[in-house]
Amino acid sequence: MRDVRLDDPYARIADLYEAEHRGWTEDLDLYRALAARAGGPVLELGCGTGRVAIALAEAGHEIHGIDTSEAMLAIARTNLGSRRLPLRFRRGDMRHASSHDEFGLAFCALDGLLHLQSAADVRDTLRAAHDVLRPGGLLAVDIVNPSPDLLAMRDGVVRHQATFAGPDNSQITHFVSWDIDPAAQTIDTAHFYDRLSDDGVVHRRTTTFRLRYLEQDELKAALQTAGFNHPELYGNARLDPFEPDSDRMIVVATKPDG
């Protein structure tokens, strides 16, 4: 799931998002290992342009990917092309995910869960994931660890996030700013994508959306409310132990048998 508003902020930058993230492979081994451990089929919540889903399908896993952004899904379908992989993309809201299938693994990668705007949205999403998993199935969530140092360092600052080759191979520079409200746990983000043309003119595309970060205790409590027990907590995609200053907060939870 991306932004739940009717106005899709990814529609303005979906091709740039794809160009920036298509080479990101750091978490792929994690999801391949979880899919092998849990068995298929696999449900990706917030599949975006299909980066992880296509990699898992190429490894032989049956994948279902849902996202609210039609612009992102259009790119995902283009990336899939005419290949006969066990993969289906559809538009859907992770808060209300439902299926006639039972899944061995459901996951939400790379901060997708932060697009949920309330604690109730988080609870609904985790309950929906619990409902579509078979007994013993796994849920994995990867979100940023909102450590005090990270929030203080990024609040009100425009920072360079990446420079990458755009869809037409032109150089794109991506800047991000955060405006953080600690009381509401929200991050109002602004994204600026700059391309310098041959005549020296800067062409900029922008988009904005709100994220809501989760503290460790809130996430664990929501998992328990949804019916998951004893979540495993890690600090990165290599499954190193979680520390207070870890960059990531990766949770793997199991739906109890019976």
C-alpha atoms as a PDB file:
ATOM      1  CA  MET A   1       0.000   0.000   0.000  1.00  0.00           C
ATOM      2  CA  ARG A   2       1.173   3.479  -0.796  1.00  0.00           C
ATOM      3  CA  ASP A   3      -0.737   6.615   0.090  1.00  0.00           C
ATOM      4  CA  VAL A   4      -4.421   5.850   0.775  1.00  0.00           C
ATOM      5  CA  ARG A   5      -5.703   9.147  -0.656  1.00  0.00           C
ATOM      6  CA  LEU A   6      -7.451   9.258  -4.023  1.00  0.00           C
ATOM      7  CA  ASP A   7      -4.700  11.615  -5.208  1.00  0.00           C
ATOM      8  CA  ASP A   8      -1.820   9.205  -5.783  1.00  0.00           C
ATOM      9  CA  PRO A   9       1.448  11.029  -5.026  1.00  0.00           C
ATOM     10  CA  TYR A  10       3.415   8.271  -6.743  1.00  0.00           C
ATOM     11  CA  ALA A  11       1.728   9.026 -10.066  1.00  0.00           C
ATOM     12  CA  ARG A  12       4.044  12.027 -10.446  1.00  0.00           C
ATOM     13  CA  ILE A  13       7.274  10.154  -9.824  1.00  0.00           C
ATOM     14  CA  ALA A  14       6.589   6.441 -10.380  1.00  0.00           C
ATOM     15  CA  ASP A  15       9.103   6.131 -13.231  1.00  0.00           C
ATOM     16  CA  LEU A  16      11.755   7.896 -11.126  1.00  0.00           C
ATOM     17  CA  TYR A  17      11.034   5.676  -8.123  1.00  0.00           C
ATOM     18  CA  GLU A  18      11.511   2.642 -10.356  1.00  0.00           C
ATOM     19  CA  ALA A  19      14.772   3.954 -11.803  1.00  0.00           C
ATOM     20  CA  GLU A  20      16.141   4.702  -8.331  1.00  0.00           C
ATOM     21  CA  HIS A  21      15.132   1.410  -6.698  1.00  0.00           C
ATOM     22  CA  ARG A  22      15.414  -1.218  -9.421  1.00  0.00           C
ATOM     23  CA  GLY A  23      19.023  -1.930  -8.486  1.00  0.00           C
ATOM     24  CA  TRP A  24      18.268  -2.264  -4.754  1.00  0.00           C
ATOM     25  CA  THR A  25      18.937  -5.909  -3.900  1.00  0.00           C
ATOM     26  CA  GLU A  26      19.959  -5.797  -0.222  1.00  0.00           C
ATOM     27  CA  ASP A  27      16.702  -7.323   1.038  1.00  0.00           C
ATOM     28  CA  LEU A  28      16.078  -9.890  -1.706  1.00  0.00           C
ATOM     29  CA  ASP A  29      17.938 -12.745  -0.009  1.00  0.00           C
ATOM     30  CA  LEU A  30      15.845 -12.154   3.121  1.00  0.00           C
ATOM     31  CA  TYR A  31      12.549 -12.573   1.280  1.00  0.00           C
ATOM     32  CA  ARG A  32      13.823 -15.529  -0.752  1.00  0.00           C
ATOM     33  CA  ALA A  33      14.828 -17.250   2.506  1.00  0.00           C
ATOM     34  CA  LEU A  34      11.491 -16.470   4.185  1.00  0.00           C
ATOM     35  CA  ALA A  35       9.549 -17.723   1.164  1.00  0.00           C
ATOM     36  CA  ALA A  36      11.554 -20.959   1.169  1.00  0.00           C
ATOM     37  CA  ARG A  37      11.006 -21.332   4.915  1.00  0.00           C
ATOM     38  CA  ALA A  38       7.258 -20.641   4.811  1.00  0.00           C
ATOM     39  CA  GLY A  39       6.291 -22.168   1.484  1.00  0.00           C
ATOM     40  CA  GLY A  40       3.957 -20.561  -1.014  1.00  0.00           C
ATOM     41  CA  PRO A  41       1.981 -18.856  -2.106  1.00  0.00           C
ATOM     42  CA  VAL A  42       3.352 -15.453  -1.041  1.00  0.00           C
ATOM     43  CA  LEU A  43       1.490 -12.144  -0.635  1.00  0.00           C
ATOM     44  CA  GLU A  44       3.309  -8.818  -0.919  1.00  0.00           C
ATOM     45  CA  LEU A  45       1.514  -5.890   0.694  1.00  0.00           C
ATOM     46  CA  GLY A  46       2.504  -2.700  -1.119  1.00  0.00           C
ATOM     47  CA  CYS A  47       4.342  -4.289  -4.041  1.00  0.00           C
ATOM     48  CA  GLY A  48       5.130  -0.994  -5.783  1.00  0.00           C
ATOM     49  CA  THR A  49       6.859  -1.531  -9.129  1.00  0.00           C
ATOM     50  CA  GLY A  50       7.398  -5.240  -8.458  1.00  0.00           C
ATOM     51  CA  ARG A  51      11.057  -5.195  -7.440  1.00  0.00           C
ATOM     52  CA  VAL A  52      10.744  -7.924  -4.774  1.00  0.00           C
ATOM     53  CA  ALA A  53       7.745  -9.777  -6.191  1.00  0.00           C
ATOM     54  CA  ILE A  54       9.384 -10.359  -9.570  1.00  0.00           C
ATOM     55  CA  ALA A  55      12.610 -11.546  -7.922  1.00  0.00           C
ATOM     56  CA  LEU A  56      10.657 -14.091  -5.858  1.00  0.00           C
ATOM     57  CA  ALA A  57       8.679 -15.252  -8.892  1.00  0.00           C
ATOM     58  CA  GLU A  58      11.941 -15.703 -10.795  1.00  0.00           C
ATOM     59  CA  ALA A  59      13.049 -17.952  -7.914  1.00  0.00           C
ATOM     60  CA  GLY A  60       9.973 -20.129  -8.499  1.00  0.00           C
ATOM     61  CA  HIS A  61       7.611 -18.841  -5.799  1.00  0.00           C
ATOM     62  CA  GLU A  62       3.955 -18.120  -6.509  1.00  0.00           C
ATOM     63  CA  ILE A  63       3.409 -14.420  -5.728  1.00  0.00           C
ATOM     64  CA  HIS A  64       0.399 -12.150  -5.360  1.00  0.00           C
ATOM     65  CA  GLY A  65       1.217  -8.418  -5.181  1.00  0.00           C
ATOM     66  CA  ILE A  66      -1.199  -5.647  -4.191  1.00  0.00           C
ATOM     67  CA  ASP A  67      -0.783  -1.889  -4.129  1.00  0.00           C
ATOM     68  CA  THR A  68      -3.094   1.137  -4.142  1.00  0.00           C
ATOM     69  CA  SER A  69      -1.020   3.045  -6.719  1.00  0.00           C
ATOM     70  CA  GLU A  70      -2.102   2.280 -10.276  1.00  0.00           C
ATOM     71  CA  ALA A  71       0.936   4.187 -11.552  1.00  0.00           C
ATOM     72  CA  MET A  72       3.286   1.866  -9.650  1.00  0.00           C
ATOM     73  CA  LEU A  73       1.338  -1.225 -10.711  1.00  0.00           C
ATOM     74  CA  ALA A  74       1.514  -0.186 -14.367  1.00  0.00           C
ATOM     75  CA  ILE A  75       5.312  -0.198 -14.133  1.00  0.00           C
ATOM     76  CA  ALA A  76       5.244  -3.529 -12.281  1.00  0.00           C
ATOM     77  CA  ARG A  77       3.229  -5.072 -15.109  1.00  0.00           C
ATOM     78  CA  THR A  78       5.611  -3.598 -17.679  1.00  0.00           C
ATOM     79  CA  ASN A  79       8.590  -5.023 -15.763  1.00  0.00           C
ATOM     80  CA  LEU A  80       6.911  -8.423 -15.744  1.00  0.00           C
ATOM     81  CA  GLY A  81       6.176  -8.160 -19.451  1.00  0.00           C
ATOM     82  CA  SER A  82       5.166 -11.343 -21.226  1.00  0.00           C
ATOM     83  CA  ARG A  83       7.203 -13.665 -19.031  1.00  0.00           C
ATOM     84  CA  ARG A  84       5.223 -16.656 -17.798  1.00  0.00           C
ATOM     85  CA  LEU A  85       6.043 -16.265 -14.115  1.00  0.00           C
ATOM     86  CA  PRO A  86       3.776 -17.353 -11.209  1.00  0.00           C
ATOM     87  CA  LEU A  87       2.919 -13.757 -10.362  1.00  0.00           C
ATOM     88  CA  ARG A  88      -0.244 -11.646 -10.238  1.00  0.00           C
ATOM     89  CA  PHE A  89      -0.506  -7.926  -9.570  1.00  0.00           C
ATOM     90  CA  ARG A  90      -3.742  -6.214  -8.579  1.00  0.00           C
ATOM     91  CA  ARG A  91      -4.873  -2.952  -7.078  1.00  0.00           C
ATOM     92  CA  GLY A  92      -5.783  -3.390  -3.443  1.00  0.00           C
ATOM     93  CA  ASP A  93      -5.634  -1.851   0.011  1.00  0.00           C
ATOM     94  CA  MET A  94      -3.469  -3.729   2.512  1.00  0.00           C
ATOM     95  CA  ARG A  95      -5.833  -2.771   5.346  1.00  0.00           C
ATOM     96  CA  HIS A  96      -8.511  -4.927   3.737  1.00  0.00           C
ATOM     97  CA  ALA A  97      -6.423  -7.613   2.055  1.00  0.00           C
ATOM     98  CA  SER A  98      -8.473 -10.731   1.438  1.00  0.00           C
ATOM     99  CA  SER A  99      -8.093 -13.792  -0.732  1.00  0.00           C
ATOM    100  CA  HIS A 100      -9.555 -17.190  -1.477  1.00  0.00           C
ATOM    101  CA  ASP A 101      -5.972 -18.472  -1.165  1.00  0.00           C
ATOM    102  CA  GLU A 102      -4.119 -19.179   2.064  1.00  0.00           C
ATOM    103  CA  PHE A 103      -0.587 -17.813   2.066  1.00  0.00           C
ATOM    104  CA  GLY A 104       2.561 -19.174   3.625  1.00  0.00           C
ATOM    105  CA  LEU A 105       4.200 -15.747   3.747  1.00  0.00           C
ATOM    106  CA  ALA A 106       2.917 -12.178   3.721  1.00  0.00           C
ATOM    107  CA  PHE A 107       5.345  -9.278   3.802  1.00  0.00           C
ATOM    108  CA  CYS A 108       5.574  -5.503   3.548  1.00  0.00           C
ATOM    109  CA  ALA A 109       8.985  -4.287   2.411  1.00  0.00           C
ATOM    110  CA  LEU A 110      10.965  -1.082   2.620  1.00  0.00           C
ATOM    111  CA  ASP A 111       8.749   1.182   4.769  1.00  0.00           C
ATOM    112  CA  GLY A 112       5.493   0.354   3.023  1.00  0.00           C
ATOM    113  CA  LEU A 113       3.754   0.096   6.401  1.00  0.00           C
ATOM    114  CA  LEU A 114       4.621   3.728   7.167  1.00  0.00           C
ATOM    115  CA  HIS A 115       2.030   4.878   4.629  1.00  0.00           C
ATOM    116  CA  LEU A 116      -0.678   3.817   7.062  1.00  0.00           C
ATOM    117  CA  GLN A 117      -2.006   6.928   8.750  1.00  0.00           C
ATOM    118  CA  SER A 118      -3.172   5.650  12.149  1.00  0.00           C
ATOM    119  CA  ALA A 119      -2.700   2.948  14.755  1.00  0.00           C
ATOM    120  CA  ALA A 120      -6.091   1.563  13.686  1.00  0.00           C
ATOM    121  CA  ASP A 121      -4.838   1.246  10.090  1.00  0.00           C
ATOM    122  CA  VAL A 122      -1.837  -0.729  11.342  1.00  0.00           C
ATOM    123  CA  ARG A 123      -4.025  -3.036  13.410  1.00  0.00           C
ATOM    124  CA  ASP A 124      -6.403  -3.588  10.478  1.00  0.00           C
ATOM    125  CA  THR A 125      -3.508  -4.436   8.170  1.00  0.00           C
ATOM    126  CA  LEU A 126      -1.927  -6.907  10.567  1.00  0.00           C
ATOM    127  CA  ARG A 127      -5.314  -8.546  11.210  1.00  0.00           C
ATOM    128  CA  ALA A 128      -5.890  -8.823   7.455  1.00  0.00           C
ATOM    129  CA  ALA A 129      -2.467 -10.421   7.025  1.00  0.00           C
ATOM    130  CA  HIS A 130      -3.220 -12.835   9.879  1.00  0.00           C
ATOM    131  CA  ASP A 131      -6.530 -13.799   8.246  1.00  0.00           C
ATOM    132  CA  VAL A 132      -4.986 -14.699   4.873  1.00  0.00           C
ATOM    133  CA  LEU A 133      -2.074 -16.683   6.324  1.00  0.00           C
ATOM    134  CA  ARG A 134      -2.415 -20.392   6.948  1.00  0.00           C
ATOM    135  CA  PRO A 135      -1.572 -21.675  10.444  1.00  0.00           C
ATOM    136  CA  GLY A 136       2.182 -21.519  10.881  1.00  0.00           C
ATOM    137  CA  GLY A 137       2.479 -18.864   8.169  1.00  0.00           C
ATOM    138  CA  LEU A 138       4.922 -15.964   8.438  1.00  0.00           C
ATOM    139  CA  LEU A 139       4.501 -12.194   8.352  1.00  0.00           C
ATOM    140  CA  ALA A 140       7.524  -9.961   7.710  1.00  0.00           C
ATOM    141  CA  VAL A 141       7.635  -6.169   8.038  1.00  0.00           C
ATOM    142  CA  ASP A 142      10.609  -3.919   7.272  1.00  0.00           C
ATOM    143  CA  ILE A 143      10.433  -0.314   8.502  1.00  0.00           C
ATOM    144  CA  VAL A 144      12.859   2.387   9.557  1.00  0.00           C
ATOM    145  CA  ASN A 145      13.883   2.399  13.208  1.00  0.00           C
ATOM    146  CA  PRO A 146      12.771   5.844  14.469  1.00  0.00           C
ATOM    147  CA  SER A 147      15.639   6.345  16.884  1.00  0.00           C
ATOM    148  CA  PRO A 148      15.832   9.770  18.573  1.00  0.00           C
ATOM    149  CA  ASP A 149      19.157  10.467  16.852  1.00  0.00           C
ATOM    150  CA  LEU A 150      17.724   9.704  13.401  1.00  0.00           C
ATOM    151  CA  LEU A 151      14.652  11.881  13.911  1.00  0.00           C
ATOM    152  CA  ALA A 152      16.702  14.782  15.290  1.00  0.00           C
ATOM    153  CA  MET A 153      19.216  14.547  12.447  1.00  0.00           C
ATOM    154  CA  ARG A 154      16.611  14.583   9.662  1.00  0.00           C
ATOM    155  CA  ASP A 155      13.907  16.890  11.011  1.00  0.00           C
ATOM    156  CA  GLY A 156      13.700  20.097   8.966  1.00  0.00           C
ATOM    157  CA  VAL A 157      16.729  19.206   6.839  1.00  0.00           C
ATOM    158  CA  VAL A 158      16.869  18.869   3.062  1.00  0.00           C
ATOM    159  CA  ARG A 159      19.234  15.997   2.399  1.00  0.00           C
ATOM    160  CA  HIS A 160      20.646  14.350  -0.692  1.00  0.00           C
ATOM    161  CA  GLN A 161      19.214  10.833  -0.955  1.00  0.00           C
ATOM    162  CA  ALA A 162      20.592   9.555  -4.253  1.00  0.00           C
ATOM    163  CA  THR A 163      21.942  10.343  -7.688  1.00  0.00           C
ATOM    164  CA  PHE A 164      20.956   7.824 -10.333  1.00  0.00           C
ATOM    165  CA  ALA A 165      20.320   7.294 -14.032  1.00  0.00           C
ATOM    166  CA  GLY A 166      16.751   8.235 -14.897  1.00  0.00           C
ATOM    167  CA  PRO A 167      14.393   6.507 -17.348  1.00  0.00           C
ATOM    168  CA  ASP A 168      16.087   8.232 -20.308  1.00  0.00           C
ATOM    169  CA  ASN A 169      19.583   7.673 -18.798  1.00  0.00           C
ATOM    170  CA  SER A 170      19.833  11.322 -17.781  1.00  0.00           C
ATOM    171  CA  GLN A 171      21.320  12.013 -14.347  1.00  0.00           C
ATOM    172  CA  ILE A 172      18.699  12.532 -11.636  1.00  0.00           C
ATOM    173  CA  THR A 173      19.496  13.980  -8.209  1.00  0.00           C
ATOM    174  CA  HIS A 174      16.985  13.164  -5.484  1.00  0.00           C
ATOM    175  CA  PHE A 175      16.594  15.349  -2.379  1.00  0.00           C
ATOM    176  CA  VAL A 176      14.246  14.643   0.559  1.00  0.00           C
ATOM    177  CA  SER A 177      13.054  16.779   3.452  1.00  0.00           C
ATOM    178  CA  TRP A 178      11.276  15.641   6.613  1.00  0.00           C
ATOM    179  CA  ASP A 179       8.981  17.692   8.847  1.00  0.00           C
ATOM    180  CA  ILE A 180       8.428  15.554  11.958  1.00  0.00           C
ATOM    181  CA  ASP A 181       5.620  15.795  14.509  1.00  0.00           C
ATOM    182  CA  PRO A 182       6.711  13.583  17.438  1.00  0.00           C
ATOM    183  CA  ALA A 183       3.333  13.803  19.179  1.00  0.00           C
ATOM    184  CA  ALA A 184       1.509  12.410  16.145  1.00  0.00           C
ATOM    185  CA  GLN A 185       4.460  10.225  15.028  1.00  0.00           C
ATOM    186  CA  THR A 186       4.136  11.711  11.546  1.00  0.00           C
ATOM    187  CA  ILE A 187       6.723  12.648   8.950  1.00  0.00           C
ATOM    188  CA  ASP A 188       5.605  15.040   6.230  1.00  0.00           C
ATOM    189  CA  THR A 189       7.993  14.244   3.405  1.00  0.00           C
ATOM    190  CA  ALA A 190       8.836  16.291   0.343  1.00  0.00           C
ATOM    191  CA  HIS A 191      10.741  14.719  -2.548  1.00  0.00           C
ATOM    192  CA  PHE A 192      12.606  16.750  -5.180  1.00  0.00           C
ATOM    193  CA  TYR A 193      13.954  15.113  -8.332  1.00  0.00           C
ATOM    194  CA  ASP A 194      16.265  17.354 -10.369  1.00  0.00           C
ATOM    195  CA  ARG A 195      17.464  16.752 -13.922  1.00  0.00           C
ATOM    196  CA  LEU A 196      20.027  19.070 -15.510  1.00  0.00           C
ATOM    197  CA  SER A 197      19.393  19.477 -19.234  1.00  0.00           C
ATOM    198  CA  ASP A 198      22.117  19.994 -21.813  1.00  0.00           C
ATOM    199  CA  ASP A 199      21.367  23.727 -21.900  1.00  0.00           C
ATOM    200  CA  GLY A 200      21.996  24.033 -18.148  1.00  0.00           C
ATOM    201  CA  VAL A 201      18.344  24.291 -17.074  1.00  0.00           C
ATOM    202  CA  VAL A 202      17.233  22.335 -13.989  1.00  0.00           C
ATOM    203  CA  HIS A 203      13.981  20.430 -14.491  1.00  0.00           C
ATOM    204  CA  ARG A 204      12.345  19.447 -11.211  1.00  0.00           C
ATOM    205  CA  ARG A 205       9.588  17.022 -10.305  1.00  0.00           C
ATOM    206  CA  THR A 206       8.195  16.971  -6.771  1.00  0.00           C
ATOM    207  CA  THR A 207       5.779  15.009  -4.653  1.00  0.00           C
ATOM    208  CA  THR A 208       4.735  15.068  -1.013  1.00  0.00           C
ATOM    209  CA  PHE A 209       3.094  12.604   1.330  1.00  0.00           C
ATOM    210  CA  ARG A 210       2.747  11.855   5.005  1.00  0.00           C
ATOM    211  CA  LEU A 211       4.298   8.868   6.744  1.00  0.00           C
ATOM    212  CA  ARG A 212       3.558   7.646  10.249  1.00  0.00           C
ATOM    213  CA  TYR A 213       6.425   5.930  12.015  1.00  0.00           C
ATOM    214  CA  LEU A 214       6.011   3.122  14.546  1.00  0.00           C
ATOM    215  CA  GLU A 215       7.850   2.579  17.768  1.00  0.00           C
ATOM    216  CA  GLN A 216       8.941  -0.953  18.623  1.00  0.00           C
ATOM    217  CA  ASP A 217       6.424  -1.399  21.453  1.00  0.00           C
ATOM    218  CA  GLU A 218       3.500  -0.232  19.318  1.00  0.00           C
ATOM    219  CA  LEU A 219       4.369  -2.648  16.528  1.00  0.00           C
ATOM    220  CA  LYS A 220       4.757  -5.574  18.913  1.00  0.00           C
ATOM    221  CA  ALA A 221       1.446  -4.769  20.632  1.00  0.00           C
ATOM    222  CA  ALA A 222      -0.356  -4.517  17.285  1.00  0.00           C
ATOM    223  CA  LEU A 223       1.064  -7.878  16.224  1.00  0.00           C
ATOM    224  CA  GLN A 224      -0.130  -9.462  19.447  1.00  0.00           C
ATOM    225  CA  THR A 225      -3.603  -7.940  19.041  1.00  0.00           C
ATOM    226  CA  ALA A 226      -3.740  -9.343  15.497  1.00  0.00           C
ATOM    227  CA  GLY A 227      -2.977 -12.829  16.808  1.00  0.00           C
ATOM    228  CA  PHE A 228       0.760 -13.169  16.172  1.00  0.00           C
ATOM    229  CA  ASN A 229       2.967 -14.495  18.954  1.00  0.00           C
ATOM    230  CA  HIS A 230       6.650 -14.060  19.838  1.00  0.00           C
ATOM    231  CA  PRO A 231       7.810 -11.818  16.958  1.00  0.00           C
ATOM    232  CA  GLU A 232      11.473 -12.016  15.962  1.00  0.00           C
ATOM    233  CA  LEU A 233      13.107  -8.566  15.811  1.00  0.00           C
ATOM    234  CA  TYR A 234      16.176  -7.765  13.705  1.00  0.00           C
ATOM    235  CA  GLY A 235      18.206  -4.663  12.888  1.00  0.00           C
ATOM    236  CA  ASN A 236      18.759  -5.192   9.160  1.00  0.00           C
ATOM    237  CA  ALA A 237      18.038  -7.489   6.218  1.00  0.00           C
ATOM    238  CA  ARG A 238      20.999  -9.689   7.201  1.00  0.00           C
ATOM    239  CA  LEU A 239      19.020 -10.490  10.378  1.00  0.00           C
ATOM    240  CA  ASP A 240      21.620  -9.070  12.725  1.00  0.00           C
ATOM    241  CA  PRO A 241      20.316  -8.493  16.278  1.00  0.00           C
ATOM    242  CA  PHE A 242      18.250  -5.348  16.752  1.00  0.00           C
ATOM    243  CA  GLU A 243      19.963  -2.538  18.646  1.00  0.00           C
ATOM    244  CA  PRO A 244      18.516   0.827  19.738  1.00  0.00           C
ATOM    245  CA  ASP A 245      20.546   2.569  17.022  1.00  0.00           C
ATOM    246  CA  SER A 246      19.865   0.037  14.238  1.00  0.00           C
ATOM    247  CA  ASP A 247      18.898   1.581  10.901  1.00  0.00           C
ATOM    248  CA  ARG A 248      16.015  -0.805  10.333  1.00  0.00           C
ATOM    249  CA  MET A 249      13.384  -2.591  12.374  1.00  0.00           C
ATOM    250  CA  ILE A 250      12.573  -5.926  10.739  1.00  0.00           C
ATOM    251  CA  VAL A 251       9.950  -8.106  12.380  1.00  0.00           C
ATOM    252  CA  VAL A 252       9.160 -11.707  11.470  1.00  0.00           C
ATOM    253  CA  ALA A 253       6.059 -13.095  13.199  1.00  0.00           C
ATOM    254  CA  THR A 254       4.320 -16.460  13.017  1.00  0.00           C
ATOM    255  CA  LYS A 255       0.609 -17.207  12.934  1.00  0.00           C
ATOM    256  CA  PRO A 256       0.063 -19.824  15.619  1.00  0.00           C
ATOM    257  CA  ASP A 257      -1.033 -23.329  14.652  1.00  0.00           C
ATOM    258  CA  GLY A 258      -4.571 -24.288  15.584  1.00  0.00           C
END
